[in-house]
mmCIF file of all heavy atoms, coordinates in Angstrom:
data_MODEL
# 
_entry.id   MODEL 
# 
loop_
_atom_site.group_PDB 
_atom_site.id 
_atom_site.type_symbol 
_atom_site.label_atom_id 
_atom_site.label_alt_id 
_atom_site.label_comp_id 
_atom_site.label_asym_id 
_atom_site.label_entity_id 
_atom_site.label_seq_id 
_atom_site.pdbx_PDB_ins_code 
_atom_site.Cartn_x 
_atom_site.Cartn_y 
_atom_site.Cartn_z 
_atom_site.occupancy 
_atom_site.B_iso_or_equiv 
_atom_site.pdbx_formal_charge 
_atom_site.auth_seq_id 
_atom_site.auth_comp_id 
_atom_site.auth_asym_id 
_atom_site.auth_atom_id 
_atom_site.pdbx_PDB_model_num 
ATOM 1   N N   . ALA A 1 1  ? 114.454 88.491  86.894 1.00 0.00 ? 1  ALA A N   1 
ATOM 2   C CA  . ALA A 1 1  ? 113.808 87.890  88.027 1.00 0.00 ? 1  ALA A CA  1 
ATOM 3   C C   . ALA A 1 1  ? 114.681 87.632  89.252 1.00 0.00 ? 1  ALA A C   1 
ATOM 4   O O   . ALA A 1 1  ? 114.176 87.219  90.336 1.00 0.00 ? 1  ALA A O   1 
ATOM 5   C CB  . ALA A 1 1  ? 113.168 86.571  87.663 1.00 0.00 ? 1  ALA A CB  1 
ATOM 6   N N   . GLN A 1 2  ? 115.945 87.784  89.152 1.00 0.00 ? 2  GLN A N   1 
ATOM 7   C CA  . GLN A 1 2  ? 116.912 87.557  90.223 1.00 0.00 ? 2  GLN A CA  1 
ATOM 8   C C   . GLN A 1 2  ? 116.556 88.511  91.331 1.00 0.00 ? 2  GLN A C   1 
ATOM 9   O O   . GLN A 1 2  ? 116.419 89.728  91.161 1.00 0.00 ? 2  GLN A O   1 
ATOM 10  C CB  . GLN A 1 2  ? 118.337 87.863  89.715 1.00 0.00 ? 2  GLN A CB  1 
ATOM 11  C CG  . GLN A 1 2  ? 118.862 86.920  88.694 1.00 0.00 ? 2  GLN A CG  1 
ATOM 12  C CD  . GLN A 1 2  ? 118.990 85.472  89.217 1.00 0.00 ? 2  GLN A CD  1 
ATOM 13  O OE1 . GLN A 1 2  ? 119.650 85.216  90.245 1.00 0.00 ? 2  GLN A OE1 1 
ATOM 14  N NE2 . GLN A 1 2  ? 118.379 84.524  88.503 1.00 0.00 ? 2  GLN A NE2 1 
ATOM 15  N N   . GLY A 1 3  ? 116.498 87.957  92.497 1.00 0.00 ? 3  GLY A N   1 
ATOM 16  C CA  . GLY A 1 3  ? 116.126 88.756  93.676 1.00 0.00 ? 3  GLY A CA  1 
ATOM 17  C C   . GLY A 1 3  ? 114.707 88.550  94.123 1.00 0.00 ? 3  GLY A C   1 
ATOM 18  O O   . GLY A 1 3  ? 114.336 88.511  95.316 1.00 0.00 ? 3  GLY A O   1 
ATOM 19  N N   . VAL A 1 4  ? 113.890 88.439  93.092 1.00 0.00 ? 4  VAL A N   1 
ATOM 20  C CA  . VAL A 1 4  ? 112.435 88.250  93.330 1.00 0.00 ? 4  VAL A CA  1 
ATOM 21  C C   . VAL A 1 4  ? 112.141 86.803  93.500 1.00 0.00 ? 4  VAL A C   1 
ATOM 22  O O   . VAL A 1 4  ? 111.392 86.364  94.392 1.00 0.00 ? 4  VAL A O   1 
ATOM 23  C CB  . VAL A 1 4  ? 111.591 88.801  92.110 1.00 0.00 ? 4  VAL A CB  1 
ATOM 24  C CG1 . VAL A 1 4  ? 110.083 88.481  92.307 1.00 0.00 ? 4  VAL A CG1 1 
ATOM 25  C CG2 . VAL A 1 4  ? 111.788 90.318  92.124 1.00 0.00 ? 4  VAL A CG2 1 
ATOM 26  N N   . LYS A 1 5  ? 112.615 85.934  92.587 1.00 0.00 ? 5  LYS A N   1 
ATOM 27  C CA  . LYS A 1 5  ? 112.402 84.512  92.607 1.00 0.00 ? 5  LYS A CA  1 
ATOM 28  C C   . LYS A 1 5  ? 112.965 83.890  93.941 1.00 0.00 ? 5  LYS A C   1 
ATOM 29  O O   . LYS A 1 5  ? 112.363 82.837  94.399 1.00 0.00 ? 5  LYS A O   1 
ATOM 30  C CB  . LYS A 1 5  ? 112.913 83.798  91.420 1.00 0.00 ? 5  LYS A CB  1 
ATOM 31  C CG  . LYS A 1 5  ? 114.380 83.700  91.233 1.00 0.00 ? 5  LYS A CG  1 
ATOM 32  C CD  . LYS A 1 5  ? 114.790 83.013  89.967 1.00 0.00 ? 5  LYS A CD  1 
ATOM 33  C CE  . LYS A 1 5  ? 116.255 82.846  89.844 1.00 0.00 ? 5  LYS A CE  1 
ATOM 34  N NZ  . LYS A 1 5  ? 116.839 81.926  90.845 1.00 0.00 ? 5  LYS A NZ  1 
ATOM 35  N N   . GLU A 1 6  ? 113.927 84.499  94.565 1.00 0.00 ? 6  GLU A N   1 
ATOM 36  C CA  . GLU A 1 6  ? 114.466 83.960  95.817 1.00 0.00 ? 6  GLU A CA  1 
ATOM 37  C C   . GLU A 1 6  ? 113.759 84.513  96.969 1.00 0.00 ? 6  GLU A C   1 
ATOM 38  O O   . GLU A 1 6  ? 114.033 84.137  98.194 1.00 0.00 ? 6  GLU A O   1 
ATOM 39  C CB  . GLU A 1 6  ? 115.943 84.391  95.935 1.00 0.00 ? 6  GLU A CB  1 
ATOM 40  C CG  . GLU A 1 6  ? 116.882 83.743  94.897 1.00 0.00 ? 6  GLU A CG  1 
ATOM 41  C CD  . GLU A 1 6  ? 116.932 84.538  93.568 1.00 0.00 ? 6  GLU A CD  1 
ATOM 42  O OE1 . GLU A 1 6  ? 116.286 85.617  93.538 1.00 0.00 ? 6  GLU A OE1 1 
ATOM 43  O OE2 . GLU A 1 6  ? 117.670 84.140  92.767 1.00 0.00 ? 6  GLU A OE2 1 
ATOM 44  N N   . GLY A 1 7  ? 112.793 85.408  96.748 1.00 0.00 ? 7  GLY A N   1 
ATOM 45  C CA  . GLY A 1 7  ? 111.969 85.920  97.900 1.00 0.00 ? 7  GLY A CA  1 
ATOM 46  C C   . GLY A 1 7  ? 112.688 87.058  98.660 1.00 0.00 ? 7  GLY A C   1 
ATOM 47  O O   . GLY A 1 7  ? 112.349 87.309  99.811 1.00 0.00 ? 7  GLY A O   1 
ATOM 48  N N   . LEU A 1 8  ? 113.653 87.708  98.031 1.00 0.00 ? 8  LEU A N   1 
ATOM 49  C CA  . LEU A 1 8  ? 114.457 88.750  98.736 1.00 0.00 ? 8  LEU A CA  1 
ATOM 50  C C   . LEU A 1 8  ? 113.828 90.077  98.614 1.00 0.00 ? 8  LEU A C   1 
ATOM 51  O O   . LEU A 1 8  ? 113.810 90.825  99.502 1.00 0.00 ? 8  LEU A O   1 
ATOM 52  C CB  . LEU A 1 8  ? 115.911 88.779  98.096 1.00 0.00 ? 8  LEU A CB  1 
ATOM 53  C CG  . LEU A 1 8  ? 116.680 87.425  98.230 1.00 0.00 ? 8  LEU A CG  1 
ATOM 54  C CD1 . LEU A 1 8  ? 118.044 87.598  97.517 1.00 0.00 ? 8  LEU A CD1 1 
ATOM 55  C CD2 . LEU A 1 8  ? 116.894 87.027  99.658 1.00 0.00 ? 8  LEU A CD2 1 
ATOM 56  N N   . VAL A 1 9  ? 113.290 90.416  97.403 1.00 0.00 ? 9  VAL A N   1 
ATOM 57  C CA  . VAL A 1 9  ? 112.515 91.664  97.169 1.00 0.00 ? 9  VAL A CA  1 
ATOM 58  C C   . VAL A 1 9  ? 111.229 91.292  96.345 1.00 0.00 ? 9  VAL A C   1 
ATOM 59  O O   . VAL A 1 9  ? 111.184 90.326  95.803 1.00 0.00 ? 9  VAL A O   1 
ATOM 60  C CB  . VAL A 1 9  ? 113.408 92.721  96.441 1.00 0.00 ? 9  VAL A CB  1 
ATOM 61  C CG1 . VAL A 1 9  ? 114.508 93.163  97.337 1.00 0.00 ? 9  VAL A CG1 1 
ATOM 62  C CG2 . VAL A 1 9  ? 113.919 92.127  95.212 1.00 0.00 ? 9  VAL A CG2 1 
ATOM 63  N N   . ALA A 1 10 ? 110.211 92.220  96.408 1.00 0.00 ? 10 ALA A N   1 
ATOM 64  C CA  . ALA A 1 10 ? 108.999 91.987  95.735 1.00 0.00 ? 10 ALA A CA  1 
ATOM 65  C C   . ALA A 1 10 ? 109.101 92.441  94.282 1.00 0.00 ? 10 ALA A C   1 
ATOM 66  O O   . ALA A 1 10 ? 108.321 91.969  93.424 1.00 0.00 ? 10 ALA A O   1 
ATOM 67  C CB  . ALA A 1 10 ? 107.900 92.733  96.442 1.00 0.00 ? 10 ALA A CB  1 
ATOM 68  N N   . ASP A 1 11 ? 109.990 93.359  93.983 1.00 0.00 ? 11 ASP A N   1 
ATOM 69  C CA  . ASP A 1 11 ? 110.095 93.987  92.620 1.00 0.00 ? 11 ASP A CA  1 
ATOM 70  C C   . ASP A 1 11 ? 111.606 94.045  92.284 1.00 0.00 ? 11 ASP A C   1 
ATOM 71  O O   . ASP A 1 11 ? 112.381 94.422  93.165 1.00 0.00 ? 11 ASP A O   1 
ATOM 72  C CB  . ASP A 1 11 ? 109.527 95.376  92.629 1.00 0.00 ? 11 ASP A CB  1 
ATOM 73  C CG  . ASP A 1 11 ? 109.416 95.939  91.216 1.00 0.00 ? 11 ASP A CG  1 
ATOM 74  O OD1 . ASP A 1 11 ? 110.483 95.986  90.585 1.00 0.00 ? 11 ASP A OD1 1 
ATOM 75  O OD2 . ASP A 1 11 ? 108.259 96.378  90.856 1.00 0.00 ? 11 ASP A OD2 1 
ATOM 76  N N   . PRO A 1 12 ? 112.030 93.646  91.097 1.00 0.00 ? 12 PRO A N   1 
ATOM 77  C CA  . PRO A 1 12 ? 113.461 93.651  90.842 1.00 0.00 ? 12 PRO A CA  1 
ATOM 78  C C   . PRO A 1 12 ? 114.034 95.011  90.932 1.00 0.00 ? 12 PRO A C   1 
ATOM 79  O O   . PRO A 1 12 ? 115.292 95.187  91.189 1.00 0.00 ? 12 PRO A O   1 
ATOM 80  C CB  . PRO A 1 12 ? 113.530 93.258  89.365 1.00 0.00 ? 12 PRO A CB  1 
ATOM 81  C CG  . PRO A 1 12 ? 112.136 93.228  88.798 1.00 0.00 ? 12 PRO A CG  1 
ATOM 82  C CD  . PRO A 1 12 ? 111.302 93.097  89.999 1.00 0.00 ? 12 PRO A CD  1 
ATOM 83  N N   . ARG A 1 13 ? 113.246 96.163  90.797 1.00 0.00 ? 13 ARG A N   1 
ATOM 84  C CA  . ARG A 1 13 ? 113.727 97.432  90.944 1.00 0.00 ? 13 ARG A CA  1 
ATOM 85  C C   . ARG A 1 13 ? 114.035 97.877  92.410 1.00 0.00 ? 13 ARG A C   1 
ATOM 86  O O   . ARG A 1 13 ? 114.594 98.843  92.749 1.00 0.00 ? 13 ARG A O   1 
ATOM 87  C CB  . ARG A 1 13 ? 112.741 98.472  90.360 1.00 0.00 ? 13 ARG A CB  1 
ATOM 88  C CG  . ARG A 1 13 ? 112.622 98.463  88.905 1.00 0.00 ? 13 ARG A CG  1 
ATOM 89  C CD  . ARG A 1 13 ? 111.410 99.173  88.325 1.00 0.00 ? 13 ARG A CD  1 
ATOM 90  N NE  . ARG A 1 13 ? 110.206 98.343  88.668 1.00 0.00 ? 13 ARG A NE  1 
ATOM 91  C CZ  . ARG A 1 13 ? 109.011 98.561  88.132 1.00 0.00 ? 13 ARG A CZ  1 
ATOM 92  N NH1 . ARG A 1 13 ? 108.818 99.688  87.308 1.00 0.00 ? 13 ARG A NH1 1 
ATOM 93  N NH2 . ARG A 1 13 ? 107.985 97.885  88.404 1.00 0.00 ? 13 ARG A NH2 1 
ATOM 94  N N   . ASP A 1 14 ? 113.542 96.943  93.349 1.00 0.00 ? 14 ASP A N   1 
ATOM 95  C CA  . ASP A 1 14 ? 113.801 97.137  94.805 1.00 0.00 ? 14 ASP A CA  1 
ATOM 96  C C   . ASP A 1 14 ? 115.172 96.525  95.218 1.00 0.00 ? 14 ASP A C   1 
ATOM 97  O O   . ASP A 1 14 ? 115.590 96.812  96.433 1.00 0.00 ? 14 ASP A O   1 
ATOM 98  C CB  . ASP A 1 14 ? 112.656 96.467  95.696 1.00 0.00 ? 14 ASP A CB  1 
ATOM 99  C CG  . ASP A 1 14 ? 111.330 97.055  95.459 1.00 0.00 ? 14 ASP A CG  1 
ATOM 100 O OD1 . ASP A 1 14 ? 111.335 98.249  94.989 1.00 0.00 ? 14 ASP A OD1 1 
ATOM 101 O OD2 . ASP A 1 14 ? 110.335 96.437  95.645 1.00 0.00 ? 14 ASP A OD2 1 
ATOM 102 N N   . TRP A 1 15 ? 115.916 95.864  94.369 1.00 0.00 ? 15 TRP A N   1 
ATOM 103 C CA  . TRP A 1 15 ? 117.133 95.258  94.755 1.00 0.00 ? 15 TRP A CA  1 
ATOM 104 C C   . TRP A 1 15 ? 118.127 96.331  95.028 1.00 0.00 ? 15 TRP A C   1 
ATOM 105 O O   . TRP A 1 15 ? 118.397 97.243  94.161 1.00 0.00 ? 15 TRP A O   1 
ATOM 106 C CB  . TRP A 1 15 ? 117.646 94.282  93.748 1.00 0.00 ? 15 TRP A CB  1 
ATOM 107 C CG  . TRP A 1 15 ? 118.925 93.609  94.081 1.00 0.00 ? 15 TRP A CG  1 
ATOM 108 C CD1 . TRP A 1 15 ? 120.146 93.819  93.483 1.00 0.00 ? 15 TRP A CD1 1 
ATOM 109 C CD2 . TRP A 1 15 ? 119.137 92.715  95.112 1.00 0.00 ? 15 TRP A CD2 1 
ATOM 110 N NE1 . TRP A 1 15 ? 121.102 93.087  94.103 1.00 0.00 ? 15 TRP A NE1 1 
ATOM 111 C CE2 . TRP A 1 15 ? 120.544 92.401  95.124 1.00 0.00 ? 15 TRP A CE2 1 
ATOM 112 C CE3 . TRP A 1 15 ? 118.291 92.113  96.089 1.00 0.00 ? 15 TRP A CE3 1 
ATOM 113 C CZ2 . TRP A 1 15 ? 121.120 91.444  96.048 1.00 0.00 ? 15 TRP A CZ2 1 
ATOM 114 C CZ3 . TRP A 1 15 ? 118.846 91.141  97.005 1.00 0.00 ? 15 TRP A CZ3 1 
ATOM 115 C CH2 . TRP A 1 15 ? 120.228 90.896  96.961 1.00 0.00 ? 15 TRP A CH2 1 
ATOM 116 N N   . PRO A 1 16 ? 118.684 96.399  96.235 1.00 0.00 ? 16 PRO A N   1 
ATOM 117 C CA  . PRO A 1 16 ? 119.663 97.526  96.477 1.00 0.00 ? 16 PRO A CA  1 
ATOM 118 C C   . PRO A 1 16 ? 120.965 97.466  95.782 1.00 0.00 ? 16 PRO A C   1 
ATOM 119 O O   . PRO A 1 16 ? 121.714 98.421  95.868 1.00 0.00 ? 16 PRO A O   1 
ATOM 120 C CB  . PRO A 1 16 ? 119.748 97.363  98.080 1.00 0.00 ? 16 PRO A CB  1 
ATOM 121 C CG  . PRO A 1 16 ? 119.609 95.970  98.346 1.00 0.00 ? 16 PRO A CG  1 
ATOM 122 C CD  . PRO A 1 16 ? 118.630 95.412  97.304 1.00 0.00 ? 16 PRO A CD  1 
ATOM 123 N N   . GLY A 1 17 ? 121.309 96.334  95.291 1.00 0.00 ? 17 GLY A N   1 
ATOM 124 C CA  . GLY A 1 17 ? 122.672 96.237  94.583 1.00 0.00 ? 17 GLY A CA  1 
ATOM 125 C C   . GLY A 1 17 ? 122.579 96.576  93.141 1.00 0.00 ? 17 GLY A C   1 
ATOM 126 O O   . GLY A 1 17 ? 121.654 97.202  92.614 1.00 0.00 ? 17 GLY A O   1 
ATOM 127 N N   . VAL A 1 18 ? 123.508 95.913  92.462 1.00 0.00 ? 18 VAL A N   1 
ATOM 128 C CA  . VAL A 1 18 ? 123.614 96.160  90.943 1.00 0.00 ? 18 VAL A CA  1 
ATOM 129 C C   . VAL A 1 18 ? 122.481 95.310  90.239 1.00 0.00 ? 18 VAL A C   1 
ATOM 130 O O   . VAL A 1 18 ? 122.473 94.060  90.442 1.00 0.00 ? 18 VAL A O   1 
ATOM 131 C CB  . VAL A 1 18 ? 124.994 95.697  90.428 1.00 0.00 ? 18 VAL A CB  1 
ATOM 132 C CG1 . VAL A 1 18 ? 125.012 95.882  88.900 1.00 0.00 ? 18 VAL A CG1 1 
ATOM 133 C CG2 . VAL A 1 18 ? 126.036 96.622  91.095 1.00 0.00 ? 18 VAL A CG2 1 
ATOM 134 N N   . HIS A 1 19 ? 121.613 95.868  89.544 1.00 0.00 ? 19 HIS A N   1 
ATOM 135 C CA  . HIS A 1 19 ? 120.499 95.259  88.827 1.00 0.00 ? 19 HIS A CA  1 
ATOM 136 C C   . HIS A 1 19 ? 120.153 96.072  87.631 1.00 0.00 ? 19 HIS A C   1 
ATOM 137 O O   . HIS A 1 19 ? 120.156 97.360  87.702 1.00 0.00 ? 19 HIS A O   1 
ATOM 138 C CB  . HIS A 1 19 ? 119.389 95.052  89.749 1.00 0.00 ? 19 HIS A CB  1 
ATOM 139 C CG  . HIS A 1 19 ? 118.388 93.991  89.403 1.00 0.00 ? 19 HIS A CG  1 
ATOM 140 N ND1 . HIS A 1 19 ? 117.747 93.952  88.200 1.00 0.00 ? 19 HIS A ND1 1 
ATOM 141 C CD2 . HIS A 1 19 ? 118.037 92.815  89.935 1.00 0.00 ? 19 HIS A CD2 1 
ATOM 142 C CE1 . HIS A 1 19 ? 116.966 92.802  88.057 1.00 0.00 ? 19 HIS A CE1 1 
ATOM 143 N NE2 . HIS A 1 19 ? 117.091 92.158  89.139 1.00 0.00 ? 19 HIS A NE2 1 
ATOM 144 N N   . CYS A 1 20 ? 119.856 95.505  86.539 1.00 0.00 ? 20 CYS A N   1 
ATOM 145 C CA  . CYS A 1 20 ? 119.621 96.206  85.301 1.00 0.00 ? 20 CYS A CA  1 
ATOM 146 C C   . CYS A 1 20 ? 118.121 96.582  85.056 1.00 0.00 ? 20 CYS A C   1 
ATOM 147 O O   . CYS A 1 20 ? 117.859 97.264  84.099 1.00 0.00 ? 20 CYS A O   1 
ATOM 148 C CB  . CYS A 1 20 ? 120.042 95.330  84.100 1.00 0.00 ? 20 CYS A CB  1 
ATOM 149 S SG  . CYS A 1 20 ? 119.061 93.768  83.961 1.00 0.00 ? 20 CYS A SG  1 
ATOM 150 N N   . ALA A 1 21 ? 117.233 96.182  85.980 1.00 0.00 ? 21 ALA A N   1 
ATOM 151 C CA  . ALA A 1 21 ? 115.776 96.499  85.745 1.00 0.00 ? 21 ALA A CA  1 
ATOM 152 C C   . ALA A 1 21 ? 115.458 97.939  85.582 1.00 0.00 ? 21 ALA A C   1 
ATOM 153 O O   . ALA A 1 21 ? 114.855 98.323  84.592 1.00 0.00 ? 21 ALA A O   1 
ATOM 154 C CB  . ALA A 1 21 ? 114.997 95.843  86.835 1.00 0.00 ? 21 ALA A CB  1 
ATOM 155 N N   . ALA A 1 22 ? 115.857 98.712  86.563 1.00 0.00 ? 22 ALA A N   1 
ATOM 156 C CA  . ALA A 1 22 ? 115.576 100.175 86.458 1.00 0.00 ? 22 ALA A CA  1 
ATOM 157 C C   . ALA A 1 22 ? 116.294 100.798 85.339 1.00 0.00 ? 22 ALA A C   1 
ATOM 158 O O   . ALA A 1 22 ? 115.732 101.696 84.596 1.00 0.00 ? 22 ALA A O   1 
ATOM 159 C CB  . ALA A 1 22 ? 115.991 100.855 87.778 1.00 0.00 ? 22 ALA A CB  1 
ATOM 160 N N   . ALA A 1 23 ? 117.531 100.421 84.963 1.00 0.00 ? 23 ALA A N   1 
ATOM 161 C CA  . ALA A 1 23 ? 118.228 101.024 83.862 1.00 0.00 ? 23 ALA A CA  1 
ATOM 162 C C   . ALA A 1 23 ? 117.569 100.708 82.465 1.00 0.00 ? 23 ALA A C   1 
ATOM 163 O O   . ALA A 1 23 ? 117.448 101.537 81.611 1.00 0.00 ? 23 ALA A O   1 
ATOM 164 C CB  . ALA A 1 23 ? 119.637 100.547 83.845 1.00 0.00 ? 23 ALA A CB  1 
ATOM 165 N N   . LEU A 1 24 ? 117.048 99.481  82.406 1.00 0.00 ? 24 LEU A N   1 
ATOM 166 C CA  . LEU A 1 24 ? 116.422 99.098  81.075 1.00 0.00 ? 24 LEU A CA  1 
ATOM 167 C C   . LEU A 1 24 ? 115.045 99.782  80.969 1.00 0.00 ? 24 LEU A C   1 
ATOM 168 O O   . LEU A 1 24 ? 114.614 99.951  79.787 1.00 0.00 ? 24 LEU A O   1 
ATOM 169 C CB  . LEU A 1 24 ? 116.175 97.588  81.044 1.00 0.00 ? 24 LEU A CB  1 
ATOM 170 C CG  . LEU A 1 24 ? 117.464 96.717  80.867 1.00 0.00 ? 24 LEU A CG  1 
ATOM 171 C CD1 . LEU A 1 24 ? 117.242 95.246  81.023 1.00 0.00 ? 24 LEU A CD1 1 
ATOM 172 C CD2 . LEU A 1 24 ? 118.149 97.046  79.552 1.00 0.00 ? 24 LEU A CD2 1 
ATOM 173 N N   . LEU A 1 25 ? 114.466 100.134 82.039 1.00 0.00 ? 25 LEU A N   1 
ATOM 174 C CA  . LEU A 1 25 ? 113.294 100.922 81.978 1.00 0.00 ? 25 LEU A CA  1 
ATOM 175 C C   . LEU A 1 25 ? 113.413 102.482 81.941 1.00 0.00 ? 25 LEU A C   1 
ATOM 176 O O   . LEU A 1 25 ? 112.499 103.201 81.844 1.00 0.00 ? 25 LEU A O   1 
ATOM 177 C CB  . LEU A 1 25 ? 112.393 100.608 83.281 1.00 0.00 ? 25 LEU A CB  1 
ATOM 178 C CG  . LEU A 1 25 ? 111.819 99.170  83.330 1.00 0.00 ? 25 LEU A CG  1 
ATOM 179 C CD1 . LEU A 1 25 ? 111.204 98.923  84.693 1.00 0.00 ? 25 LEU A CD1 1 
ATOM 180 C CD2 . LEU A 1 25 ? 110.873 98.992  82.242 1.00 0.00 ? 25 LEU A CD2 1 
ATOM 181 N N   . GLY A 1 26 ? 114.743 102.806 81.869 1.00 0.00 ? 26 GLY A N   1 
ATOM 182 C CA  . GLY A 1 26 ? 115.075 104.294 81.647 1.00 0.00 ? 26 GLY A CA  1 
ATOM 183 C C   . GLY A 1 26 ? 114.925 105.052 82.936 1.00 0.00 ? 26 GLY A C   1 
ATOM 184 O O   . GLY A 1 26 ? 114.906 106.247 82.939 1.00 0.00 ? 26 GLY A O   1 
# 
């Protein structure tokens, strides 16, 4: 939820930096 709960991006996969969401989804 990091990045989304702060109102920075709408989806964790939209975070432009290092984030595990897309990797965990393959």
